[in-house]
């Protein structure tokens, strides 16, 4: 286990901790969030404190959609966009105007204090906006959510991922892959910021449909569930639409095994990793060993200029 910069008490329900020079009130720490594993809300907060060094660069300066599980991983959840009040003065918000005319002030997670504050609200996984707050309609990556449909297997998802990887390689587009922590895989492409979200969506749709046409026995790009053929892996381009989100890198998922959406290498995909290989209990140790495999998503160099296809 890597050395901890911040330790969540295991023998108290409510504490005030200092993180990044700010006081954070944490509550119900001994509340069980995963009954079968005996993992508590405090364990969840400790996990996020342990991986904050590699997580924060990926979610910093982006609006956060809160998915709150007040009663743990198997309990009911609800979505919340607007940052709740009252809140600490140091919680930054990102104002985004919606078609309805509403302007919503989303919370932004810039540091450990803000991370702990959001997770303390019962947010098991983190779902950040695709574009940064200074221009919320111009994302700096596109992605594909590889989701096994009814009758499809995870082996099929792995096979699909390799097909997507090969197609992106052919287009000279760098790609990164992670487990979703749920049922499938996420493939991301770092792009030069410029095209608006609808243009990114349009490109992703065209590529997904092309791959489905070439591999009809394995892949579908049919978004409508009623029309989707069974036993296929959905290459979901529609998650690139404006306002949509996916569970972020290093997010714990509300699954029985407390699985984590974890960056992996393409060699690990070839070796046929499983979703259950990466959990809240072992990911901090993995990160200490291999570092952040998704660092290229943060770098200026090596991004693909999507305007070549627009």
C-alpha atoms as a PDB file:
ATOM      1  CA  UNK A   1       0.000   0.000   0.000  1.00  0.00           C
ATOM      2  CA  UNK A   2       1.427   3.441  -0.923  1.00  0.00           C
ATOM      3  CA  UNK A   3       2.181   5.952   1.822  1.00  0.00           C
ATOM      4  CA  UNK A   4      -0.955   7.893   2.748  1.00  0.00           C
ATOM      5  CA  UNK A   5      -1.025  11.682   2.682  1.00  0.00           C
ATOM      6  CA  UNK A   6      -4.366  11.735   4.470  1.00  0.00           C
ATOM      7  CA  UNK A   7      -5.945   9.140   6.764  1.00  0.00           C
ATOM      8  CA  UNK A   8      -9.690   8.825   7.360  1.00  0.00           C
ATOM      9  CA  UNK A   9     -10.429   7.722  10.959  1.00  0.00           C
ATOM     10  CA  UNK A  10     -12.041   4.277  11.206  1.00  0.00           C
ATOM     11  CA  UNK A  11     -13.331   4.670  14.770  1.00  0.00           C
ATOM     12  CA  UNK A  12     -15.462   7.798  14.359  1.00  0.00           C
ATOM     13  CA  UNK A  13     -18.663   8.636  12.506  1.00  0.00           C
ATOM     14  CA  UNK A  14     -18.118  12.353  11.969  1.00  0.00           C
ATOM     15  CA  UNK A  15     -14.854  14.272  11.700  1.00  0.00           C
ATOM     16  CA  UNK A  16     -13.433  17.537  10.438  1.00  0.00           C
ATOM     17  CA  UNK A  17     -10.195  16.987   8.513  1.00  0.00           C
ATOM     18  CA  UNK A  18      -7.719  19.371   6.956  1.00  0.00           C
ATOM     19  CA  UNK A  19      -6.960  18.837   3.273  1.00  0.00           C
ATOM     20  CA  UNK A  20      -5.064  21.326   1.148  1.00  0.00           C
ATOM     21  CA  UNK A  21      -5.306  23.782   4.029  1.00  0.00           C
ATOM     22  CA  UNK A  22      -9.117  23.598   4.065  1.00  0.00           C
ATOM     23  CA  UNK A  23     -11.389  22.073   6.670  1.00  0.00           C
ATOM     24  CA  UNK A  24     -13.691  19.348   5.328  1.00  0.00           C
ATOM     25  CA  UNK A  25     -16.554  17.930   7.381  1.00  0.00           C
ATOM     26  CA  UNK A  26     -17.006  14.187   6.762  1.00  0.00           C
ATOM     27  CA  UNK A  27     -20.086  12.366   8.047  1.00  0.00           C
ATOM     28  CA  UNK A  28     -21.427   8.831   8.641  1.00  0.00           C
ATOM     29  CA  UNK A  29     -17.987   7.325   8.081  1.00  0.00           C
ATOM     30  CA  UNK A  30     -18.899   3.945   9.584  1.00  0.00           C
ATOM     31  CA  UNK A  31     -22.033   3.560   7.467  1.00  0.00           C
ATOM     32  CA  UNK A  32     -21.806   0.313   5.481  1.00  0.00           C
ATOM     33  CA  UNK A  33     -21.751   0.958   1.727  1.00  0.00           C
ATOM     34  CA  UNK A  34     -20.896  -2.610   0.559  1.00  0.00           C
ATOM     35  CA  UNK A  35     -22.488  -5.048   3.061  1.00  0.00           C
ATOM     36  CA  UNK A  36     -20.959  -8.206   1.548  1.00  0.00           C
ATOM     37  CA  UNK A  37     -17.462  -6.719   1.644  1.00  0.00           C
ATOM     38  CA  UNK A  38     -17.847  -4.846   4.910  1.00  0.00           C
ATOM     39  CA  UNK A  39     -16.703  -1.634   3.209  1.00  0.00           C
ATOM     40  CA  UNK A  40     -17.888   1.654   4.663  1.00  0.00           C
ATOM     41  CA  UNK A  41     -18.364   5.183   3.437  1.00  0.00           C
ATOM     42  CA  UNK A  42     -15.106   5.957   5.238  1.00  0.00           C
ATOM     43  CA  UNK A  43     -13.349   3.269   3.173  1.00  0.00           C
ATOM     44  CA  UNK A  44     -14.701   4.913   0.009  1.00  0.00           C
ATOM     45  CA  UNK A  45     -13.377   8.311   1.114  1.00  0.00           C
ATOM     46  CA  UNK A  46     -10.016   6.742   1.985  1.00  0.00           C
ATOM     47  CA  UNK A  47      -9.769   5.197  -1.478  1.00  0.00           C
ATOM     48  CA  UNK A  48     -10.351   8.548  -3.164  1.00  0.00           C
ATOM     49  CA  UNK A  49      -7.864  10.245  -0.852  1.00  0.00           C
ATOM     50  CA  UNK A  50      -5.296   7.580  -1.811  1.00  0.00           C
ATOM     51  CA  UNK A  51      -5.735   7.990  -5.600  1.00  0.00           C
ATOM     52  CA  UNK A  52      -6.300  11.757  -5.600  1.00  0.00           C
ATOM     53  CA  UNK A  53      -2.830  12.444  -7.008  1.00  0.00           C
ATOM     54  CA  UNK A  54      -3.612  10.657 -10.287  1.00  0.00           C
ATOM     55  CA  UNK A  55      -7.373  11.329 -10.348  1.00  0.00           C
ATOM     56  CA  UNK A  56      -7.483  15.103  -9.849  1.00  0.00           C
ATOM     57  CA  UNK A  57      -5.648  16.087 -13.065  1.00  0.00           C
ATOM     58  CA  UNK A  58      -8.340  14.244 -15.064  1.00  0.00           C
ATOM     59  CA  UNK A  59     -11.362  15.923 -13.449  1.00  0.00           C
ATOM     60  CA  UNK A  60      -9.967  19.311 -12.484  1.00  0.00           C
ATOM     61  CA  UNK A  61     -11.653  22.369 -14.053  1.00  0.00           C
ATOM     62  CA  UNK A  62     -14.659  20.355 -15.264  1.00  0.00           C
ATOM     63  CA  UNK A  63     -18.266  20.503 -14.117  1.00  0.00           C
ATOM     64  CA  UNK A  64     -19.216  17.492 -12.011  1.00  0.00           C
ATOM     65  CA  UNK A  65     -22.602  15.763 -12.295  1.00  0.00           C
ATOM     66  CA  UNK A  66     -23.300  14.219  -8.898  1.00  0.00           C
ATOM     67  CA  UNK A  67     -24.767  10.723  -8.713  1.00  0.00           C
ATOM     68  CA  UNK A  68     -25.586  10.261  -5.045  1.00  0.00           C
ATOM     69  CA  UNK A  69     -25.997   6.929  -3.234  1.00  0.00           C
ATOM     70  CA  UNK A  70     -26.965   7.963   0.302  1.00  0.00           C
ATOM     71  CA  UNK A  71     -27.654   4.356   1.335  1.00  0.00           C
ATOM     72  CA  UNK A  72     -24.646   2.680  -0.251  1.00  0.00           C
ATOM     73  CA  UNK A  73     -23.860   0.789  -3.426  1.00  0.00           C
ATOM     74  CA  UNK A  74     -27.018  -1.328  -3.492  1.00  0.00           C
ATOM     75  CA  UNK A  75     -29.357   1.488  -2.441  1.00  0.00           C
ATOM     76  CA  UNK A  76     -31.340   3.914  -4.536  1.00  0.00           C
ATOM     77  CA  UNK A  77     -29.462   6.780  -6.175  1.00  0.00           C
ATOM     78  CA  UNK A  78     -30.376  10.147  -7.624  1.00  0.00           C
ATOM     79  CA  UNK A  79     -28.668  12.615  -9.937  1.00  0.00           C
ATOM     80  CA  UNK A  80     -27.940  16.151  -8.837  1.00  0.00           C
ATOM     81  CA  UNK A  81     -26.406  18.809 -11.063  1.00  0.00           C
ATOM     82  CA  UNK A  82     -26.621  22.014  -9.050  1.00  0.00           C
ATOM     83  CA  UNK A  83     -24.056  22.378  -6.249  1.00  0.00           C
ATOM     84  CA  UNK A  84     -26.033  22.128  -3.002  1.00  0.00           C
ATOM     85  CA  UNK A  85     -26.299  25.022  -0.558  1.00  0.00           C
ATOM     86  CA  UNK A  86     -25.068  25.701   1.987  1.00  0.00           C
ATOM     87  CA  UNK A  87     -21.591  24.631   0.897  1.00  0.00           C
ATOM     88  CA  UNK A  88     -18.037  25.626   1.775  1.00  0.00           C
ATOM     89  CA  UNK A  89     -16.965  28.975   0.317  1.00  0.00           C
ATOM     90  CA  UNK A  90     -13.995  27.233  -1.325  1.00  0.00           C
ATOM     91  CA  UNK A  91     -16.124  24.947  -3.524  1.00  0.00           C
ATOM     92  CA  UNK A  92     -15.797  26.413  -7.018  1.00  0.00           C
ATOM     93  CA  UNK A  93     -18.712  26.159  -9.437  1.00  0.00           C
ATOM     94  CA  UNK A  94     -18.992  26.043 -13.220  1.00  0.00           C
ATOM     95  CA  UNK A  95     -22.047  27.763 -14.711  1.00  0.00           C
ATOM     96  CA  UNK A  96     -23.512  26.055 -17.796  1.00  0.00           C
ATOM     97  CA  UNK A  97     -26.533  27.340 -19.704  1.00  0.00           C
ATOM     98  CA  UNK A  98     -28.964  24.645 -20.897  1.00  0.00           C
ATOM     99  CA  UNK A  99     -31.484  24.728 -23.764  1.00  0.00           C
ATOM    100  CA  UNK A 100     -34.272  25.042 -21.221  1.00  0.00           C
ATOM    101  CA  UNK A 101     -32.934  28.472 -20.343  1.00  0.00           C
ATOM    102  CA  UNK A 102     -31.697  27.289 -16.969  1.00  0.00           C
ATOM    103  CA  UNK A 103     -28.167  28.146 -15.912  1.00  0.00           C
ATOM    104  CA  UNK A 104     -26.845  25.418 -13.618  1.00  0.00           C
ATOM    105  CA  UNK A 105     -23.938  25.919 -11.230  1.00  0.00           C
ATOM    106  CA  UNK A 106     -22.147  22.564 -11.148  1.00  0.00           C
ATOM    107  CA  UNK A 107     -19.494  21.854  -8.494  1.00  0.00           C
ATOM    108  CA  UNK A 108     -15.888  21.593  -9.670  1.00  0.00           C
ATOM    109  CA  UNK A 109     -13.331  19.261  -8.067  1.00  0.00           C
ATOM    110  CA  UNK A 110      -9.972  21.020  -8.141  1.00  0.00           C
ATOM    111  CA  UNK A 111      -8.258  19.559  -5.069  1.00  0.00           C
ATOM    112  CA  UNK A 112      -8.446  16.887  -2.356  1.00  0.00           C
ATOM    113  CA  UNK A 113     -10.730  19.000  -0.189  1.00  0.00           C
ATOM    114  CA  UNK A 114     -13.324  19.389  -2.955  1.00  0.00           C
ATOM    115  CA  UNK A 115     -12.974  15.689  -3.856  1.00  0.00           C
ATOM    116  CA  UNK A 116     -13.708  14.583  -0.287  1.00  0.00           C
ATOM    117  CA  UNK A 117     -16.602  17.039  -0.008  1.00  0.00           C
ATOM    118  CA  UNK A 118     -18.293  15.650  -3.151  1.00  0.00           C
ATOM    119  CA  UNK A 119     -17.707  11.989  -2.234  1.00  0.00           C
ATOM    120  CA  UNK A 120     -19.054  12.691   1.263  1.00  0.00           C
ATOM    121  CA  UNK A 121     -22.388  13.544  -0.391  1.00  0.00           C
ATOM    122  CA  UNK A 122     -22.615   9.836  -1.277  1.00  0.00           C
ATOM    123  CA  UNK A 123     -21.097  10.061  -4.761  1.00  0.00           C
ATOM    124  CA  UNK A 124     -19.598   6.611  -5.368  1.00  0.00           C
ATOM    125  CA  UNK A 125     -18.538   7.266  -8.962  1.00  0.00           C
ATOM    126  CA  UNK A 126     -17.558  10.600 -10.479  1.00  0.00           C
ATOM    127  CA  UNK A 127     -19.078  11.902 -13.701  1.00  0.00           C
ATOM    128  CA  UNK A 128     -17.364  14.964 -15.121  1.00  0.00           C
ATOM    129  CA  UNK A 129     -18.209  17.173 -18.101  1.00  0.00           C
ATOM    130  CA  UNK A 130     -16.249  16.396 -21.287  1.00  0.00           C
ATOM    131  CA  UNK A 131     -15.078  19.978 -21.863  1.00  0.00           C
ATOM    132  CA  UNK A 132     -13.345  22.275 -19.398  1.00  0.00           C
ATOM    133  CA  UNK A 133     -15.192  25.146 -17.769  1.00  0.00           C
ATOM    134  CA  UNK A 134     -13.615  27.884 -19.889  1.00  0.00           C
ATOM    135  CA  UNK A 135     -15.362  26.481 -22.999  1.00  0.00           C
ATOM    136  CA  UNK A 136     -17.958  23.860 -22.145  1.00  0.00           C
ATOM    137  CA  UNK A 137     -18.801  23.022 -25.778  1.00  0.00           C
ATOM    138  CA  UNK A 138     -15.272  22.163 -26.971  1.00  0.00           C
ATOM    139  CA  UNK A 139     -14.102  18.815 -25.520  1.00  0.00           C
ATOM    140  CA  UNK A 140     -10.476  17.704 -25.512  1.00  0.00           C
ATOM    141  CA  UNK A 141     -11.225  14.038 -26.108  1.00  0.00           C
ATOM    142  CA  UNK A 142     -13.677  11.778 -27.895  1.00  0.00           C
ATOM    143  CA  UNK A 143     -14.556   8.310 -26.723  1.00  0.00           C
ATOM    144  CA  UNK A 144     -16.382   5.051 -27.317  1.00  0.00           C
ATOM    145  CA  UNK A 145     -18.290   3.187 -24.614  1.00  0.00           C
ATOM    146  CA  UNK A 146     -18.067  -0.530 -25.446  1.00  0.00           C
ATOM    147  CA  UNK A 147     -21.119  -2.051 -23.844  1.00  0.00           C
ATOM    148  CA  UNK A 148     -22.087  -5.748 -24.093  1.00  0.00           C
ATOM    149  CA  UNK A 149     -25.721  -6.126 -25.097  1.00  0.00           C
ATOM    150  CA  UNK A 150     -28.039  -8.977 -24.127  1.00  0.00           C
ATOM    151  CA  UNK A 151     -26.287 -12.252 -24.945  1.00  0.00           C
ATOM    152  CA  UNK A 152     -22.888 -10.636 -25.557  1.00  0.00           C
ATOM    153  CA  UNK A 153     -19.836 -11.587 -23.487  1.00  0.00           C
ATOM    154  CA  UNK A 154     -16.965  -9.618 -22.025  1.00  0.00           C
ATOM    155  CA  UNK A 155     -14.656 -11.568 -24.332  1.00  0.00           C
ATOM    156  CA  UNK A 156     -16.655  -9.985 -27.145  1.00  0.00           C
ATOM    157  CA  UNK A 157     -16.026  -6.579 -25.585  1.00  0.00           C
ATOM    158  CA  UNK A 158     -12.268  -7.276 -25.513  1.00  0.00           C
ATOM    159  CA  UNK A 159     -12.368  -8.365 -29.159  1.00  0.00           C
ATOM    160  CA  UNK A 160     -14.314  -5.220 -30.072  1.00  0.00           C
ATOM    161  CA  UNK A 161     -11.808  -3.041 -28.226  1.00  0.00           C
ATOM    162  CA  UNK A 162      -8.964  -4.451 -30.294  1.00  0.00           C
ATOM    163  CA  UNK A 163     -10.925  -3.764 -33.498  1.00  0.00           C
ATOM    164  CA  UNK A 164     -11.560  -0.159 -32.404  1.00  0.00           C
ATOM    165  CA  UNK A 165      -7.883   0.185 -31.470  1.00  0.00           C
ATOM    166  CA  UNK A 166      -6.772  -1.083 -34.871  1.00  0.00           C
ATOM    167  CA  UNK A 167      -9.155   1.296 -36.670  1.00  0.00           C
ATOM    168  CA  UNK A 168      -7.893   4.271 -34.656  1.00  0.00           C
ATOM    169  CA  UNK A 169      -4.287   3.228 -35.301  1.00  0.00           C
ATOM    170  CA  UNK A 170      -5.026   3.148 -39.033  1.00  0.00           C
ATOM    171  CA  UNK A 171      -6.313   6.723 -38.766  1.00  0.00           C
ATOM    172  CA  UNK A 172      -3.142   7.643 -36.800  1.00  0.00           C
ATOM    173  CA  UNK A 173      -5.304   8.473 -33.786  1.00  0.00           C
ATOM    174  CA  UNK A 174      -3.776   7.709 -30.360  1.00  0.00           C
ATOM    175  CA  UNK A 175      -6.094   5.763 -28.071  1.00  0.00           C
ATOM    176  CA  UNK A 176      -6.281   4.873 -24.393  1.00  0.00           C
ATOM    177  CA  UNK A 177      -8.421   2.202 -22.778  1.00  0.00           C
ATOM    178  CA  UNK A 178      -9.876   1.590 -19.326  1.00  0.00           C
ATOM    179  CA  UNK A 179     -12.370  -0.758 -17.771  1.00  0.00           C
ATOM    180  CA  UNK A 180     -15.711   0.855 -17.036  1.00  0.00           C
ATOM    181  CA  UNK A 181     -15.768  -0.931 -13.696  1.00  0.00           C
ATOM    182  CA  UNK A 182     -19.268  -2.081 -14.661  1.00  0.00           C
ATOM    183  CA  UNK A 183     -19.693  -4.269 -17.778  1.00  0.00           C
ATOM    184  CA  UNK A 184     -17.498  -2.931 -20.559  1.00  0.00           C
ATOM    185  CA  UNK A 185     -14.583  -0.795 -21.658  1.00  0.00           C
ATOM    186  CA  UNK A 186     -14.030   2.874 -22.471  1.00  0.00           C
ATOM    187  CA  UNK A 187     -11.734   3.876 -25.336  1.00  0.00           C
ATOM    188  CA  UNK A 188     -10.639   7.541 -25.372  1.00  0.00           C
ATOM    189  CA  UNK A 189      -8.803   9.605 -27.990  1.00  0.00           C
ATOM    190  CA  UNK A 190      -7.042  12.836 -26.919  1.00  0.00           C
ATOM    191  CA  UNK A 191      -7.928  15.545 -29.455  1.00  0.00           C
ATOM    192  CA  UNK A 192      -6.863  19.128 -30.053  1.00  0.00           C
ATOM    193  CA  UNK A 193      -9.555  21.330 -28.562  1.00  0.00           C
ATOM    194  CA  UNK A 194     -11.443  23.109 -31.322  1.00  0.00           C
ATOM    195  CA  UNK A 195     -14.389  21.129 -32.742  1.00  0.00           C
ATOM    196  CA  UNK A 196     -17.649  21.557 -30.832  1.00  0.00           C
ATOM    197  CA  UNK A 197     -19.305  18.621 -29.080  1.00  0.00           C
ATOM    198  CA  UNK A 198     -21.749  17.951 -31.968  1.00  0.00           C
ATOM    199  CA  UNK A 199     -18.834  17.651 -34.426  1.00  0.00           C
ATOM    200  CA  UNK A 200     -17.049  15.202 -32.121  1.00  0.00           C
ATOM    201  CA  UNK A 201     -20.287  13.211 -31.822  1.00  0.00           C
ATOM    202  CA  UNK A 202     -20.698  13.177 -35.618  1.00  0.00           C
ATOM    203  CA  UNK A 203     -17.212  11.742 -36.163  1.00  0.00           C
ATOM    204  CA  UNK A 204     -17.658   9.109 -33.439  1.00  0.00           C
ATOM    205  CA  UNK A 205     -20.999   8.072 -34.962  1.00  0.00           C
ATOM    206  CA  UNK A 206     -19.511   7.659 -38.442  1.00  0.00           C
ATOM    207  CA  UNK A 207     -16.656   5.491 -37.177  1.00  0.00           C
ATOM    208  CA  UNK A 208     -18.926   3.356 -34.966  1.00  0.00           C
ATOM    209  CA  UNK A 209     -21.316   2.737 -37.857  1.00  0.00           C
ATOM    210  CA  UNK A 210     -18.440   1.828 -40.173  1.00  0.00           C
ATOM    211  CA  UNK A 211     -17.091  -0.706 -37.677  1.00  0.00           C
ATOM    212  CA  UNK A 212     -20.573  -2.179 -37.175  1.00  0.00           C
ATOM    213  CA  UNK A 213     -20.959  -2.551 -40.965  1.00  0.00           C
ATOM    214  CA  UNK A 214     -17.611  -4.360 -41.188  1.00  0.00           C
ATOM    215  CA  UNK A 215     -18.224  -6.665 -38.197  1.00  0.00           C
ATOM    216  CA  UNK A 216     -22.008  -7.207 -38.069  1.00  0.00           C
ATOM    217  CA  UNK A 217     -21.792 -10.488 -36.158  1.00  0.00           C
ATOM    218  CA  UNK A 218     -19.926  -8.844 -33.280  1.00  0.00           C
ATOM    219  CA  UNK A 219     -20.596  -5.093 -33.243  1.00  0.00           C
ATOM    220  CA  UNK A 220     -23.650  -2.860 -33.358  1.00  0.00           C
ATOM    221  CA  UNK A 221     -23.941   0.916 -33.407  1.00  0.00           C
ATOM    222  CA  UNK A 222     -27.742   0.815 -33.004  1.00  0.00           C
ATOM    223  CA  UNK A 223     -28.537   3.101 -30.102  1.00  0.00           C
ATOM    224  CA  UNK A 224     -32.239   2.222 -29.866  1.00  0.00           C
ATOM    225  CA  UNK A 225     -32.525  -0.772 -27.541  1.00  0.00           C
ATOM    226  CA  UNK A 226     -35.626  -2.177 -29.262  1.00  0.00           C
ATOM    227  CA  UNK A 227     -33.809  -2.353 -32.609  1.00  0.00           C
ATOM    228  CA  UNK A 228     -30.449  -3.508 -31.285  1.00  0.00           C
ATOM    229  CA  UNK A 229     -29.537  -7.076 -32.364  1.00  0.00           C
ATOM    230  CA  UNK A 230     -28.841  -9.449 -29.491  1.00  0.00           C
ATOM    231  CA  UNK A 231     -25.424 -10.910 -28.777  1.00  0.00           C
ATOM    232  CA  UNK A 232     -23.602  -7.810 -30.063  1.00  0.00           C
ATOM    233  CA  UNK A 233     -21.301  -5.295 -28.423  1.00  0.00           C
ATOM    234  CA  UNK A 234     -22.579  -1.741 -28.688  1.00  0.00           C
ATOM    235  CA  UNK A 235     -19.919   0.743 -29.801  1.00  0.00           C
ATOM    236  CA  UNK A 236     -21.729   3.610 -28.156  1.00  0.00           C
ATOM    237  CA  UNK A 237     -20.914   6.885 -29.901  1.00  0.00           C
ATOM    238  CA  UNK A 238     -23.952   8.653 -28.436  1.00  0.00           C
ATOM    239  CA  UNK A 239     -22.221   9.219 -25.117  1.00  0.00           C
ATOM    240  CA  UNK A 240     -20.335  11.975 -26.963  1.00  0.00           C
ATOM    241  CA  UNK A 241     -23.500  14.076 -27.090  1.00  0.00           C
ATOM    242  CA  UNK A 242     -23.602  17.423 -25.309  1.00  0.00           C
ATOM    243  CA  UNK A 243     -24.407  17.122 -21.626  1.00  0.00           C
ATOM    244  CA  UNK A 244     -23.716  13.393 -21.386  1.00  0.00           C
ATOM    245  CA  UNK A 245     -21.128  11.959 -18.989  1.00  0.00           C
ATOM    246  CA  UNK A 246     -19.339   8.684 -18.290  1.00  0.00           C
ATOM    247  CA  UNK A 247     -17.823   7.459 -15.045  1.00  0.00           C
ATOM    248  CA  UNK A 248     -14.393   9.034 -14.787  1.00  0.00           C
ATOM    249  CA  UNK A 249     -11.026   7.372 -14.635  1.00  0.00           C
ATOM    250  CA  UNK A 250     -10.394   5.754 -11.190  1.00  0.00           C
ATOM    251  CA  UNK A 251     -14.115   5.908 -10.305  1.00  0.00           C
ATOM    252  CA  UNK A 252     -15.398   3.284  -7.907  1.00  0.00           C
ATOM    253  CA  UNK A 253     -18.589   1.712  -9.252  1.00  0.00           C
ATOM    254  CA  UNK A 254     -21.647   0.656  -7.240  1.00  0.00           C
ATOM    255  CA  UNK A 255     -21.086  -3.017  -8.039  1.00  0.00           C
ATOM    256  CA  UNK A 256     -20.972  -5.886  -5.507  1.00  0.00           C
ATOM    257  CA  UNK A 257     -17.175  -6.204  -5.879  1.00  0.00           C
ATOM    258  CA  UNK A 258     -16.497  -2.424  -5.480  1.00  0.00           C
ATOM    259  CA  UNK A 259     -14.850  -2.482  -8.906  1.00  0.00           C
ATOM    260  CA  UNK A 260     -12.993   0.549 -10.238  1.00  0.00           C
ATOM    261  CA  UNK A 261     -12.875   2.108 -13.713  1.00  0.00           C
ATOM    262  CA  UNK A 262      -9.184   1.455 -14.254  1.00  0.00           C
ATOM    263  CA  UNK A 263      -6.704   2.412 -17.002  1.00  0.00           C
ATOM    264  CA  UNK A 264      -5.146  -0.650 -18.610  1.00  0.00           C
ATOM    265  CA  UNK A 265      -2.677  -1.219 -21.427  1.00  0.00           C
ATOM    266  CA  UNK A 266      -3.550  -2.646 -24.823  1.00  0.00           C
ATOM    267  CA  UNK A 267      -1.301  -5.595 -23.965  1.00  0.00           C
ATOM    268  CA  UNK A 268      -3.485  -6.270 -20.918  1.00  0.00           C
ATOM    269  CA  UNK A 269      -6.537  -6.218 -23.213  1.00  0.00           C
ATOM    270  CA  UNK A 270      -4.815  -8.836 -25.392  1.00  0.00           C
ATOM    271  CA  UNK A 271      -4.133 -10.883 -22.236  1.00  0.00           C
ATOM    272  CA  UNK A 272      -7.869 -10.759 -21.494  1.00  0.00           C
ATOM    273  CA  UNK A 273      -8.151  -8.892 -18.232  1.00  0.00           C
ATOM    274  CA  UNK A 274     -11.485  -8.956 -16.385  1.00  0.00           C
ATOM    275  CA  UNK A 275     -13.571  -6.170 -14.864  1.00  0.00           C
ATOM    276  CA  UNK A 276     -13.250  -7.804 -11.433  1.00  0.00           C
ATOM    277  CA  UNK A 277      -9.438  -7.637 -11.532  1.00  0.00           C
ATOM    278  CA  UNK A 278      -9.536  -3.998 -10.414  1.00  0.00           C
ATOM    279  CA  UNK A 279     -11.226  -3.021  -7.165  1.00  0.00           C
ATOM    280  CA  UNK A 280     -11.220  -0.366  -4.484  1.00  0.00           C
ATOM    281  CA  UNK A 281      -8.910  -2.611  -2.455  1.00  0.00           C
ATOM    282  CA  UNK A 282      -6.116  -3.109  -5.019  1.00  0.00           C
ATOM    283  CA  UNK A 283      -6.164  -0.135  -7.384  1.00  0.00           C
ATOM    284  CA  UNK A 284      -4.190   2.234  -5.073  1.00  0.00           C
ATOM    285  CA  UNK A 285      -1.373  -0.333  -4.962  1.00  0.00           C
ATOM    286  CA  UNK A 286      -1.532  -0.751  -8.751  1.00  0.00           C
ATOM    287  CA  UNK A 287      -1.322   3.028  -9.225  1.00  0.00           C
ATOM    288  CA  UNK A 288       1.708   3.181  -6.936  1.00  0.00           C
ATOM    289  CA  UNK A 289       3.334   0.499  -9.081  1.00  0.00           C
ATOM    290  CA  UNK A 290       2.463   1.561 -12.658  1.00  0.00           C
ATOM    291  CA  UNK A 291       1.589   5.237 -12.261  1.00  0.00           C
ATOM    292  CA  UNK A 292      -1.138   6.868 -14.339  1.00  0.00           C
ATOM    293  CA  UNK A 293      -1.390   5.009 -17.649  1.00  0.00           C
ATOM    294  CA  UNK A 294      -3.666   7.764 -18.937  1.00  0.00           C
ATOM    295  CA  UNK A 295      -1.143  10.582 -18.616  1.00  0.00           C
ATOM    296  CA  UNK A 296      -1.198  11.099 -22.438  1.00  0.00           C
ATOM    297  CA  UNK A 297      -4.808  12.299 -22.082  1.00  0.00           C
ATOM    298  CA  UNK A 298      -3.466  15.253 -20.082  1.00  0.00           C
ATOM    299  CA  UNK A 299      -0.576  16.229 -22.338  1.00  0.00           C
ATOM    300  CA  UNK A 300      -0.573  18.930 -25.016  1.00  0.00           C
ATOM    301  CA  UNK A 301       1.682  16.975 -27.360  1.00  0.00           C
ATOM    302  CA  UNK A 302       0.386  13.989 -29.291  1.00  0.00           C
ATOM    303  CA  UNK A 303      -3.254  15.066 -29.509  1.00  0.00           C
ATOM    304  CA  UNK A 304      -5.133  14.350 -32.718  1.00  0.00           C
ATOM    305  CA  UNK A 305      -6.430  17.234 -34.824  1.00  0.00           C
ATOM    306  CA  UNK A 306      -9.988  16.131 -35.611  1.00  0.00           C
ATOM    307  CA  UNK A 307     -10.513  19.023 -38.025  1.00  0.00           C
ATOM    308  CA  UNK A 308      -8.755  16.848 -40.643  1.00  0.00           C
ATOM    309  CA  UNK A 309     -11.994  14.838 -40.875  1.00  0.00           C
ATOM    310  CA  UNK A 310     -14.489  17.685 -40.599  1.00  0.00           C
END
